[in-house]
Amino acid sequence: MARSQLLKDAVSGKESIENILLRLKVILSDLDNENIMNWVNGELQGYKDKESVPSYRILKGSIIGTYLVNFSVKYKDAPVPLEFLISKEEIDELRTVRMTDGIATIQNILRGENRENYGFVIPTAYCHAISTDDFQIAGMRVRVGSNQLDGIVSCVKSKLVEVIMELEKEFENLDELDIRSQIKENESVKQVIYNIENIIYDKSVKIGDKNKIERSRIGHLFGHLWEGRDKK
């Protein structure tokens, strides 16, 4: 069976990921599945909240900052040794970055001058709250490597190819962007939906952990940190 132009465009890279997603959105809307459409819209427009972010968008950043040791030695833009100030669990929460931006925004970041220094500012109030007399933190930020952002882009590209190939197994003429008539005659459509969900969500539709940050000390101190933090 001949491959669709949609698949060829997704593989060649001649068309933008956004273009492929928009064409795929029209096709996938015929499946009438909320999980699948939430993913497509999330990649196009950005995810509305941290709980809906797929696992491949959850990154571990590096905590760097400016701090003063024993009132004498000042460090600037240096790794912050937080181990003796807060628990490992809190450090892990601070390092965890849920990238909610749309895929086009992430690609723009990668094309920008700040790609190697991209990150999120940790509120000053929190820095002061965990400081001691001997170790005073003026400011901290979580830095995300460009290779990690590249990883998100590569992952989305791979998933797009897999989803299109899955559709090609069951439906003809994908380039017409209309599979409604074929769905009515296809008894295996439920399996197709299940397979696509597994491709998108890495074999698990359950995503995120809504309660983890909200119940922590960090969440208690400054609430929706990762929703309101400043990007640098």
Protein backbone atom coordinates (compact mmCIF):
# COMPACT_ATOMS: atom_id res chain seq x y z
CA MET A 1 0.00 0.00 0.00
CA ALA A 2 1.33 3.43 -0.94
CA ARG A 3 2.30 5.70 1.92
CA SER A 4 0.32 8.87 2.49
CA GLN A 5 1.79 12.28 1.75
CA LEU A 6 1.11 13.11 5.38
CA LEU A 7 3.51 10.40 6.51
CA LYS A 8 6.11 11.41 3.92
CA ASP A 9 5.94 15.01 5.11
CA ALA A 10 6.24 13.96 8.75
CA VAL A 11 9.32 11.87 8.02
CA SER A 12 11.06 14.27 5.63
CA GLY A 13 10.86 17.28 7.93
CA LYS A 14 10.03 19.56 5.01
CA GLU A 15 6.77 20.53 6.70
CA SER A 16 6.66 21.98 10.20
CA ILE A 17 5.49 19.87 13.13
CA GLU A 18 2.68 22.38 13.56
CA ASN A 19 1.51 21.75 9.99
CA ILE A 20 1.53 17.98 10.52
CA LEU A 21 -0.37 18.35 13.80
CA LEU A 22 -3.04 20.54 12.19
CA ARG A 23 -3.62 18.06 9.37
CA LEU A 24 -3.66 15.20 11.84
CA LYS A 25 -6.09 17.11 14.07
CA VAL A 26 -8.69 17.10 11.29
CA ILE A 27 -8.31 13.34 10.80
CA LEU A 28 -8.22 12.41 14.48
CA SER A 29 -11.30 14.51 15.27
CA ASP A 30 -13.31 11.85 13.43
CA LEU A 31 -12.32 9.33 16.11
CA ASP A 32 -14.12 11.47 18.69
CA ASN A 33 -11.65 10.69 21.50
CA GLU A 34 -10.98 13.33 24.16
CA ASN A 35 -7.56 12.02 25.27
CA ILE A 36 -6.21 12.06 21.73
CA MET A 37 -7.56 15.53 20.96
CA ASN A 38 -6.22 16.90 24.25
CA TRP A 39 -2.76 15.77 23.18
CA VAL A 40 -3.00 17.33 19.73
CA ASN A 41 -4.33 20.61 21.14
CA GLY A 42 -1.72 20.57 23.90
CA GLU A 43 1.12 20.26 21.41
CA LEU A 44 -0.38 22.97 19.21
CA GLN A 45 -1.52 25.51 21.78
CA GLY A 46 0.29 24.47 24.95
CA TYR A 47 -1.01 22.47 27.88
CA LYS A 48 -3.40 24.31 30.18
CA ASP A 49 -2.07 22.90 33.43
CA LYS A 50 0.83 20.83 34.74
CA GLU A 51 -1.33 17.77 35.45
CA SER A 52 -2.09 17.26 31.75
CA VAL A 53 1.56 17.28 30.64
CA PRO A 54 2.71 13.94 29.15
CA SER A 55 5.69 12.19 30.73
CA TYR A 56 8.11 13.09 27.91
CA ARG A 57 7.60 16.77 28.78
CA ILE A 58 8.55 16.31 32.44
CA LEU A 59 12.23 17.23 32.76
CA LYS A 60 14.85 17.41 35.49
CA GLY A 61 16.65 20.74 35.45
CA SER A 62 19.78 21.98 37.20
CA ILE A 63 19.43 24.38 40.14
CA ILE A 64 21.84 27.30 39.90
CA GLY A 65 21.91 30.54 41.81
CA THR A 66 23.67 33.34 43.65
CA TYR A 67 24.48 32.79 47.32
CA LEU A 68 26.76 33.89 50.15
CA VAL A 69 28.65 31.46 52.39
CA ASN A 70 29.75 32.51 55.89
CA PHE A 71 29.16 36.18 55.04
CA SER A 72 32.35 36.21 53.00
CA VAL A 73 32.41 34.01 49.90
CA LYS A 74 29.93 34.86 47.14
CA TYR A 75 28.98 32.46 44.36
CA LYS A 76 27.17 33.61 41.24
CA ASP A 77 25.44 31.42 38.64
CA ALA A 78 26.79 28.37 40.42
CA PRO A 79 25.20 25.03 41.36
CA VAL A 80 23.43 25.45 44.71
CA PRO A 81 24.23 22.78 47.34
CA LEU A 82 20.74 22.38 48.77
CA GLU A 83 21.29 18.97 50.37
CA PHE A 84 21.85 20.37 53.86
CA LEU A 85 18.94 22.83 53.64
CA ILE A 86 16.00 20.79 52.35
CA SER A 87 15.09 17.14 51.81
CA LYS A 88 15.91 15.12 48.70
CA GLU A 89 12.20 15.05 47.89
CA GLU A 90 11.99 18.85 47.93
CA ILE A 91 15.11 19.14 45.79
CA ASP A 92 13.57 16.73 43.31
CA GLU A 93 10.39 18.82 43.19
CA LEU A 94 12.38 21.99 42.60
CA ARG A 95 14.29 20.35 39.75
CA THR A 96 11.14 19.01 38.10
CA VAL A 97 10.03 21.10 35.14
CA ARG A 98 6.76 20.44 33.34
CA MET A 99 7.02 22.04 29.92
CA THR A 100 3.54 23.30 29.06
CA ASP A 101 4.49 25.42 26.02
CA GLY A 102 3.28 24.42 22.58
CA ILE A 103 5.77 22.61 20.36
CA ALA A 104 6.27 25.68 18.11
CA THR A 105 7.23 27.76 21.15
CA ILE A 106 9.77 25.15 22.22
CA GLN A 107 11.26 25.16 18.72
CA ASN A 108 11.50 28.96 18.86
CA ILE A 109 13.38 28.68 22.15
CA LEU A 110 15.83 26.29 20.51
CA ARG A 111 16.39 28.74 17.66
CA GLY A 112 16.96 31.64 20.05
CA GLU A 113 20.15 33.02 21.56
CA ASN A 114 19.08 31.90 25.04
CA ARG A 115 18.78 28.20 24.17
CA GLU A 116 21.73 27.21 26.38
CA ASN A 117 20.57 29.27 29.33
CA TYR A 118 16.83 28.65 29.34
CA GLY A 119 15.19 28.23 32.71
CA PHE A 120 12.69 29.28 35.35
CA VAL A 121 13.14 31.61 38.30
CA ILE A 122 12.43 30.22 41.77
CA PRO A 123 10.58 32.82 43.89
CA THR A 124 12.82 34.94 46.09
CA ALA A 125 10.54 34.32 49.08
CA TYR A 126 11.36 30.62 48.93
CA CYS A 127 15.10 31.30 48.61
CA HIS A 128 14.98 33.43 51.77
CA ALA A 129 12.78 30.91 53.61
CA ILE A 130 15.34 28.11 53.32
CA SER A 131 18.44 30.29 53.87
CA THR A 132 20.45 30.16 57.10
CA ASP A 133 22.81 32.64 58.74
CA ASP A 134 25.80 30.82 57.24
CA PHE A 135 24.26 30.15 53.84
CA GLN A 136 22.20 32.96 52.35
CA ILE A 137 20.57 32.49 48.96
CA ALA A 138 19.94 35.67 46.97
CA GLY A 139 18.27 33.91 44.06
CA MET A 140 17.90 30.57 42.29
CA ARG A 141 16.65 29.29 38.98
CA VAL A 142 16.10 25.91 37.37
CA ARG A 143 18.04 25.65 34.12
CA VAL A 144 16.89 23.31 31.37
CA GLY A 145 19.41 22.03 28.82
CA SER A 146 18.80 22.57 25.11
CA ASN A 147 19.32 18.83 24.62
CA GLN A 148 16.30 18.23 26.87
CA LEU A 149 14.15 20.56 24.78
CA ASP A 150 15.46 18.87 21.64
CA GLY A 151 14.36 15.60 23.19
CA ILE A 152 10.77 16.83 23.45
CA VAL A 153 10.76 17.86 19.79
CA SER A 154 12.22 14.53 18.69
CA CYS A 155 9.69 12.65 20.81
CA VAL A 156 6.75 14.51 19.27
CA LYS A 157 8.10 13.86 15.76
CA SER A 158 8.43 10.16 16.52
CA LYS A 159 4.92 9.96 17.97
CA LEU A 160 3.45 11.72 14.95
CA VAL A 161 5.03 9.19 12.62
CA GLU A 162 3.79 6.28 14.75
CA VAL A 163 0.25 7.68 14.94
CA ILE A 164 0.08 8.20 11.18
CA MET A 165 1.40 4.69 10.55
CA GLU A 166 -1.23 3.30 12.91
CA LEU A 167 -3.95 5.15 10.99
CA GLU A 168 -2.60 3.87 7.69
CA LYS A 169 -3.11 0.29 8.86
CA GLU A 170 -6.87 0.78 9.09
CA PHE A 171 -7.83 3.72 6.89
CA GLU A 172 -7.25 4.68 3.28
CA ASN A 173 -6.66 8.08 1.69
CA LEU A 174 -5.50 9.91 4.81
CA ASP A 175 -4.53 12.87 2.66
CA GLU A 176 -8.21 13.60 2.10
CA LEU A 177 -8.35 14.40 5.84
CA ASP A 178 -11.66 12.56 6.21
CA ILE A 179 -12.09 9.06 7.63
CA ARG A 180 -15.66 9.35 8.93
CA SER A 181 -17.20 7.07 6.33
CA GLN A 182 -14.52 4.45 6.94
CA ILE A 183 -15.04 4.55 10.71
CA LYS A 184 -18.67 3.49 10.32
CA GLU A 185 -17.58 0.37 8.49
CA ASN A 186 -14.52 -0.40 10.64
CA GLU A 187 -15.12 -2.67 13.63
CA SER A 188 -11.54 -2.33 14.85
CA VAL A 189 -11.71 1.44 15.42
CA LYS A 190 -11.71 0.97 19.21
CA GLN A 191 -8.42 -0.90 18.94
CA VAL A 192 -7.01 1.88 16.77
CA ILE A 193 -7.96 4.46 19.40
CA TYR A 194 -6.40 2.33 22.14
CA ASN A 195 -3.18 1.92 20.14
CA ILE A 196 -2.93 5.66 19.43
CA GLU A 197 -3.48 6.50 23.10
CA ASN A 198 -0.66 4.12 24.02
CA ILE A 199 1.63 5.75 21.46
CA ILE A 200 0.86 9.23 22.75
CA TYR A 201 0.97 8.52 26.47
CA ASP A 202 3.73 5.87 26.52
CA LYS A 203 1.34 2.98 27.21
CA SER A 204 -0.37 4.79 30.06
CA VAL A 205 -3.31 7.17 29.74
CA LYS A 206 -2.81 8.19 33.36
CA ILE A 207 -0.59 11.27 33.30
CA GLY A 208 0.80 13.63 35.90
CA ASP A 209 0.42 13.60 39.65
CA LYS A 210 -1.98 16.29 40.70
CA ASN A 211 -1.36 16.02 44.42
CA LYS A 212 2.41 15.71 44.64
CA ILE A 213 3.41 19.37 44.62
CA GLU A 214 0.24 20.75 46.19
CA ARG A 215 0.75 18.70 49.35
CA SER A 216 4.44 19.45 49.72
CA ARG A 217 6.20 22.15 51.72
CA ILE A 218 7.14 23.81 48.47
CA GLY A 219 3.55 23.87 47.27
CA HIS A 220 2.45 25.26 50.64
CA LEU A 221 4.98 28.08 50.51
CA PHE A 222 4.29 29.43 47.07
CA GLY A 223 1.38 27.60 45.56
CA HIS A 224 1.39 27.31 41.80
CA LEU A 225 5.13 27.80 41.43
CA TRP A 226 5.56 26.24 38.03
CA GLU A 227 2.48 27.92 36.61
CA GLY A 228 3.51 31.45 37.60
CA ARG A 229 7.30 31.38 37.51
CA ASP A 230 9.21 33.70 35.24
CA LYS A 231 11.07 32.31 32.26
CA LYS A 232 14.57 33.51 31.52
